[in-house]
């Protein structure tokens, strides 16, 4: 890993202590933030301790130039946060980019990973999406990085677009809605390169922690094929397709997502 990474970016996070010492860390992707997990947290509260984070450059975390927003560096920032909070080991749940970060954590920091869940995650060379690349150098109005672009991306990625109630939409759009929002979103896009996950493919068979792969049946951004391929590379992993769900399965069908997550956590805790 890169030792020159800046260590002191401020990461926004929320910690919900539970009755158990088991800690579950939730990691979002682009273009969302920690609010992505709001529908899931109530299912875990009281039983597990929960940590939700805003990746550096996203949500209410500190902004940074794109070389410092790569997935390997995001993984380092999360390890730094765990050190700060004195959390030696945790269960990790990652969506989209977060799914790639969880894979990197499992490969490079296996001693910190009790288990992992990849939900509709980036892997191999299936990313960044053309839609995400388009905002780097927009050639038309529809590709301008803006809250409207984010809203369209969310709606197109959902099986039930109507779940984007005003509060949900506000929570997911607000961090990129300021005057620097377009530039910040561009920086986030510029940081993304499929080699960040493709380069760890040879190491995926070495992952030994309990692993569950959850994929929305109707994910039009990262189709379930990729979950199956990841399942074939990670030993003893479980692959489950979530019906009536798109790319944002935790928003489309939170009760089902939470049910599968709790099954995973109970099994992994007793592993």
Protein backbone atom coordinates (compact mmCIF):
# COMPACT_ATOMS: atom_id res chain seq x y z
CA UNK A 1 0.00 0.00 0.00
CA UNK A 2 1.07 3.61 -0.57
CA UNK A 3 2.89 4.99 2.48
CA UNK A 4 2.69 8.58 1.16
CA UNK A 5 -1.08 8.81 1.62
CA UNK A 6 -2.19 11.77 3.69
CA UNK A 7 -3.25 10.46 7.06
CA UNK A 8 -5.26 13.34 8.48
CA UNK A 9 -8.28 13.79 6.22
CA UNK A 10 -11.32 14.14 8.45
CA UNK A 11 -13.84 11.34 7.91
CA UNK A 12 -17.44 11.91 8.92
CA UNK A 13 -18.96 8.92 10.67
CA UNK A 14 -21.79 7.84 12.94
CA UNK A 15 -21.42 5.16 15.59
CA UNK A 16 -24.38 3.35 17.09
CA UNK A 17 -23.31 1.22 20.08
CA UNK A 18 -25.10 -2.08 20.53
CA UNK A 19 -25.33 -4.78 23.15
CA UNK A 20 -22.80 -6.89 21.26
CA UNK A 21 -19.12 -6.13 20.85
CA UNK A 22 -19.51 -7.11 17.21
CA UNK A 23 -19.07 -4.02 15.02
CA UNK A 24 -20.58 -3.72 11.53
CA UNK A 25 -19.03 -1.09 9.24
CA UNK A 26 -21.13 0.19 6.32
CA UNK A 27 -19.36 1.67 3.28
CA UNK A 28 -21.25 3.42 0.48
CA UNK A 29 -20.30 4.06 -3.16
CA UNK A 30 -20.59 6.82 -5.74
CA UNK A 31 -22.51 9.16 -5.71
CA UNK A 32 -24.11 8.40 -2.31
CA UNK A 33 -23.11 8.81 1.34
CA UNK A 34 -23.78 7.23 4.73
CA UNK A 35 -27.52 7.97 4.44
CA UNK A 36 -27.72 5.11 1.94
CA UNK A 37 -27.84 2.78 4.94
CA UNK A 38 -30.53 4.60 6.92
CA UNK A 39 -33.23 2.02 6.04
CA UNK A 40 -31.00 -0.84 7.26
CA UNK A 41 -29.68 0.53 10.56
CA UNK A 42 -32.94 0.01 12.54
CA UNK A 43 -32.77 -3.72 11.85
CA UNK A 44 -29.35 -3.94 13.56
CA UNK A 45 -29.69 -1.36 16.32
CA UNK A 46 -29.50 -2.78 19.79
CA UNK A 47 -27.97 -6.06 18.67
CA UNK A 48 -24.82 -5.02 16.83
CA UNK A 49 -22.67 -1.94 17.12
CA UNK A 50 -22.87 -0.06 13.82
CA UNK A 51 -20.40 2.32 12.18
CA UNK A 52 -21.42 4.23 9.04
CA UNK A 53 -18.88 6.37 7.22
CA UNK A 54 -18.74 9.00 4.52
CA UNK A 55 -15.80 8.20 2.27
CA UNK A 56 -13.25 10.99 1.91
CA UNK A 57 -14.54 13.30 -0.83
CA UNK A 58 -18.17 12.31 -0.19
CA UNK A 59 -20.97 13.19 2.17
CA UNK A 60 -19.74 15.41 4.99
CA UNK A 61 -16.16 14.12 5.00
CA UNK A 62 -13.25 16.30 4.00
CA UNK A 63 -12.70 16.89 0.29
CA UNK A 64 -9.43 15.87 -1.37
CA UNK A 65 -7.78 15.85 -4.81
CA UNK A 66 -8.57 12.79 -6.88
CA UNK A 67 -5.21 10.99 -6.37
CA UNK A 68 -6.20 10.70 -2.70
CA UNK A 69 -9.67 9.29 -3.45
CA UNK A 70 -8.73 5.91 -4.93
CA UNK A 71 -10.22 2.78 -3.41
CA UNK A 72 -6.93 1.57 -1.86
CA UNK A 73 -6.50 4.92 -0.14
CA UNK A 74 -10.11 4.92 1.03
CA UNK A 75 -9.36 1.53 2.58
CA UNK A 76 -6.43 3.07 4.46
CA UNK A 77 -8.57 5.94 5.74
CA UNK A 78 -11.09 3.44 7.10
CA UNK A 79 -8.34 1.47 8.86
CA UNK A 80 -7.10 4.75 10.36
CA UNK A 81 -10.62 5.45 11.64
CA UNK A 82 -10.87 1.99 13.17
CA UNK A 83 -7.54 2.59 14.90
CA UNK A 84 -8.81 5.93 16.20
CA UNK A 85 -11.97 4.29 17.54
CA UNK A 86 -10.00 1.33 18.89
CA UNK A 87 -11.92 -1.20 16.86
CA UNK A 88 -9.51 -4.08 16.21
CA UNK A 89 -11.77 -6.10 13.93
CA UNK A 90 -15.14 -5.65 12.25
CA UNK A 91 -17.69 -6.98 9.80
CA UNK A 92 -17.71 -4.90 6.61
CA UNK A 93 -20.67 -4.22 4.32
CA UNK A 94 -19.85 -2.41 1.08
CA UNK A 95 -22.04 -1.21 -1.77
CA UNK A 96 -20.83 -0.18 -5.24
CA UNK A 97 -17.36 1.37 -4.64
CA UNK A 98 -17.70 0.23 -1.04
CA UNK A 99 -17.84 -3.34 -2.31
CA UNK A 100 -14.46 -2.85 -3.96
CA UNK A 101 -13.06 -1.29 -0.79
CA UNK A 102 -14.25 -4.26 1.25
CA UNK A 103 -12.42 -6.62 -1.12
CA UNK A 104 -9.25 -4.55 -0.75
CA UNK A 105 -9.58 -4.62 3.04
CA UNK A 106 -10.01 -8.39 2.99
CA UNK A 107 -6.90 -8.83 0.83
CA UNK A 108 -4.54 -6.34 2.48
CA UNK A 109 -5.90 -6.18 6.04
CA UNK A 110 -7.32 -9.67 6.68
CA UNK A 111 -6.55 -9.39 10.39
CA UNK A 112 -9.06 -6.52 10.64
CA UNK A 113 -11.91 -8.25 8.75
CA UNK A 114 -14.25 -10.63 10.59
CA UNK A 115 -16.48 -10.99 7.56
CA UNK A 116 -17.53 -9.13 4.45
CA UNK A 117 -20.68 -8.45 2.50
CA UNK A 118 -20.42 -7.09 -1.03
CA UNK A 119 -23.70 -5.60 -2.25
CA UNK A 120 -23.88 -4.83 -5.97
CA UNK A 121 -20.19 -4.01 -5.81
CA UNK A 122 -17.48 -3.01 -8.24
CA UNK A 123 -15.11 -5.87 -9.01
CA UNK A 124 -12.77 -7.12 -11.69
CA UNK A 125 -12.95 -4.61 -14.59
CA UNK A 126 -16.69 -3.88 -14.45
CA UNK A 127 -16.22 -0.21 -13.55
CA UNK A 128 -16.20 2.78 -13.55
CA UNK A 129 -19.54 3.04 -15.27
CA UNK A 130 -19.65 5.10 -18.50
CA UNK A 131 -22.20 7.29 -16.73
CA UNK A 132 -19.68 8.07 -13.99
CA UNK A 133 -16.85 8.64 -16.48
CA UNK A 134 -19.02 11.07 -18.48
CA UNK A 135 -18.87 13.75 -15.78
CA UNK A 136 -15.08 14.02 -15.98
CA UNK A 137 -15.18 16.02 -19.20
CA UNK A 138 -18.88 16.62 -19.89
CA UNK A 139 -19.72 17.01 -23.57
CA UNK A 140 -23.43 17.74 -23.10
CA UNK A 141 -25.69 19.26 -20.48
CA UNK A 142 -26.92 15.86 -19.31
CA UNK A 143 -23.35 14.92 -18.33
CA UNK A 144 -22.73 18.00 -16.17
CA UNK A 145 -21.88 16.92 -12.60
CA UNK A 146 -24.80 18.23 -10.58
CA UNK A 147 -27.50 17.19 -8.10
CA UNK A 148 -29.76 16.53 -11.10
CA UNK A 149 -27.19 14.12 -12.52
CA UNK A 150 -27.09 12.29 -9.17
CA UNK A 151 -30.87 12.14 -8.97
CA UNK A 152 -31.10 10.65 -12.46
CA UNK A 153 -28.44 8.09 -11.60
CA UNK A 154 -30.32 7.06 -8.46
CA UNK A 155 -33.70 6.82 -10.21
CA UNK A 156 -32.31 4.78 -13.10
CA UNK A 157 -30.56 2.44 -10.69
CA UNK A 158 -33.65 1.69 -8.61
CA UNK A 159 -36.29 -0.95 -9.27
CA UNK A 160 -38.78 1.20 -7.34
CA UNK A 161 -37.88 4.84 -8.12
CA UNK A 162 -40.77 5.95 -5.92
CA UNK A 163 -38.71 5.09 -2.82
CA UNK A 164 -36.85 8.36 -3.39
CA UNK A 165 -39.04 10.34 -1.04
CA UNK A 166 -38.11 14.02 -0.52
CA UNK A 167 -36.08 13.38 2.64
CA UNK A 168 -34.19 10.45 1.12
CA UNK A 169 -33.39 12.50 -1.96
CA UNK A 170 -32.30 15.51 0.08
CA UNK A 171 -30.03 13.37 2.28
CA UNK A 172 -28.31 11.86 -0.76
CA UNK A 173 -28.05 15.08 -2.83
CA UNK A 174 -27.24 17.77 -0.28
CA UNK A 175 -23.49 17.11 0.17
CA UNK A 176 -22.86 17.75 -3.56
CA UNK A 177 -25.34 20.62 -3.83
CA UNK A 178 -23.05 23.50 -2.83
CA UNK A 179 -21.03 25.73 -5.17
CA UNK A 180 -18.09 23.30 -5.09
CA UNK A 181 -20.32 20.26 -5.62
CA UNK A 182 -19.67 19.82 -9.36
CA UNK A 183 -15.90 19.99 -8.88
CA UNK A 184 -16.01 17.62 -5.91
CA UNK A 185 -18.07 15.11 -7.88
CA UNK A 186 -15.64 15.34 -10.79
CA UNK A 187 -12.70 14.67 -8.47
CA UNK A 188 -14.48 11.61 -7.13
CA UNK A 189 -14.96 10.31 -10.68
CA UNK A 190 -11.36 11.01 -11.72
CA UNK A 191 -10.09 8.83 -8.88
CA UNK A 192 -11.72 5.68 -10.23
CA UNK A 193 -9.82 3.07 -12.23
CA UNK A 194 -10.75 -0.58 -12.68
CA UNK A 195 -7.17 -1.65 -11.99
CA UNK A 196 -7.87 -0.89 -8.33
CA UNK A 197 -9.94 -4.08 -8.15
CA UNK A 198 -8.57 -5.95 -11.15
CA UNK A 199 -5.10 -6.02 -9.62
CA UNK A 200 -6.35 -7.90 -6.54
CA UNK A 201 -8.14 -10.65 -8.50
CA UNK A 202 -5.20 -13.08 -8.07
CA UNK A 203 -5.54 -12.66 -4.31
CA UNK A 204 -9.30 -13.19 -4.05
CA UNK A 205 -8.88 -17.00 -3.59
CA UNK A 206 -6.84 -16.23 -0.46
CA UNK A 207 -9.80 -14.60 1.31
CA UNK A 208 -10.84 -16.81 4.21
CA UNK A 209 -13.36 -14.68 6.09
CA UNK A 210 -17.09 -15.46 5.81
CA UNK A 211 -18.35 -13.72 2.66
CA UNK A 212 -21.83 -13.01 1.35
CA UNK A 213 -22.51 -11.42 -2.04
CA UNK A 214 -25.91 -9.73 -2.37
CA UNK A 215 -27.02 -8.63 -5.83
CA UNK A 216 -30.18 -6.91 -7.01
CA UNK A 217 -31.90 -9.04 -9.63
CA UNK A 218 -32.48 -5.99 -11.82
CA UNK A 219 -29.17 -4.17 -11.28
CA UNK A 220 -28.69 -2.45 -14.65
CA UNK A 221 -25.38 -0.88 -13.63
CA UNK A 222 -23.53 -3.96 -12.33
CA UNK A 223 -25.60 -6.99 -13.39
CA UNK A 224 -25.71 -10.11 -11.18
CA UNK A 225 -23.23 -11.82 -13.53
CA UNK A 226 -20.49 -9.98 -11.65
CA UNK A 227 -21.68 -11.27 -8.30
CA UNK A 228 -21.59 -14.82 -9.65
CA UNK A 229 -18.06 -14.29 -10.99
CA UNK A 230 -16.92 -12.93 -7.64
CA UNK A 231 -18.57 -15.91 -5.95
CA UNK A 232 -16.49 -18.22 -8.16
CA UNK A 233 -13.28 -16.49 -7.07
CA UNK A 234 -13.86 -16.12 -3.31
CA UNK A 235 -13.75 -19.50 -1.53
CA UNK A 236 -16.78 -20.54 0.52
CA UNK A 237 -18.66 -17.36 -0.36
CA UNK A 238 -22.44 -17.23 -0.59
CA UNK A 239 -24.14 -15.55 -3.55
CA UNK A 240 -27.73 -14.40 -3.24
CA UNK A 241 -29.87 -12.54 -5.78
CA UNK A 242 -32.41 -10.16 -4.28
CA UNK A 243 -35.67 -10.09 -6.25
CA UNK A 244 -37.48 -6.84 -7.05
CA UNK A 245 -34.28 -4.92 -6.46
CA UNK A 246 -32.00 -2.84 -8.64
CA UNK A 247 -28.52 -1.45 -8.00
CA UNK A 248 -29.65 0.15 -4.73
CA UNK A 249 -31.16 -2.97 -3.18
CA UNK A 250 -31.01 -1.55 0.36
CA UNK A 251 -33.42 1.18 -0.77
CA UNK A 252 -35.60 -0.98 -3.02
CA UNK A 253 -36.13 -3.78 -0.51
CA UNK A 254 -34.63 -2.90 2.89
CA UNK A 255 -36.43 -5.66 4.83
CA UNK A 256 -35.07 -8.37 2.53
CA UNK A 257 -31.61 -6.82 2.46
CA UNK A 258 -31.57 -6.63 6.25
CA UNK A 259 -32.82 -10.20 6.57
CA UNK A 260 -29.98 -11.55 4.44
CA UNK A 261 -27.47 -9.34 6.25
CA UNK A 262 -28.61 -10.60 9.66
CA UNK A 263 -28.34 -14.21 8.47
CA UNK A 264 -24.80 -13.47 7.34
CA UNK A 265 -23.83 -11.74 10.59
CA UNK A 266 -25.23 -14.49 12.79
CA UNK A 267 -23.33 -17.11 10.81
CA UNK A 268 -20.12 -15.04 10.70
CA UNK A 269 -20.26 -14.23 14.41
CA UNK A 270 -20.35 -17.95 15.20
CA UNK A 271 -17.66 -18.75 12.62
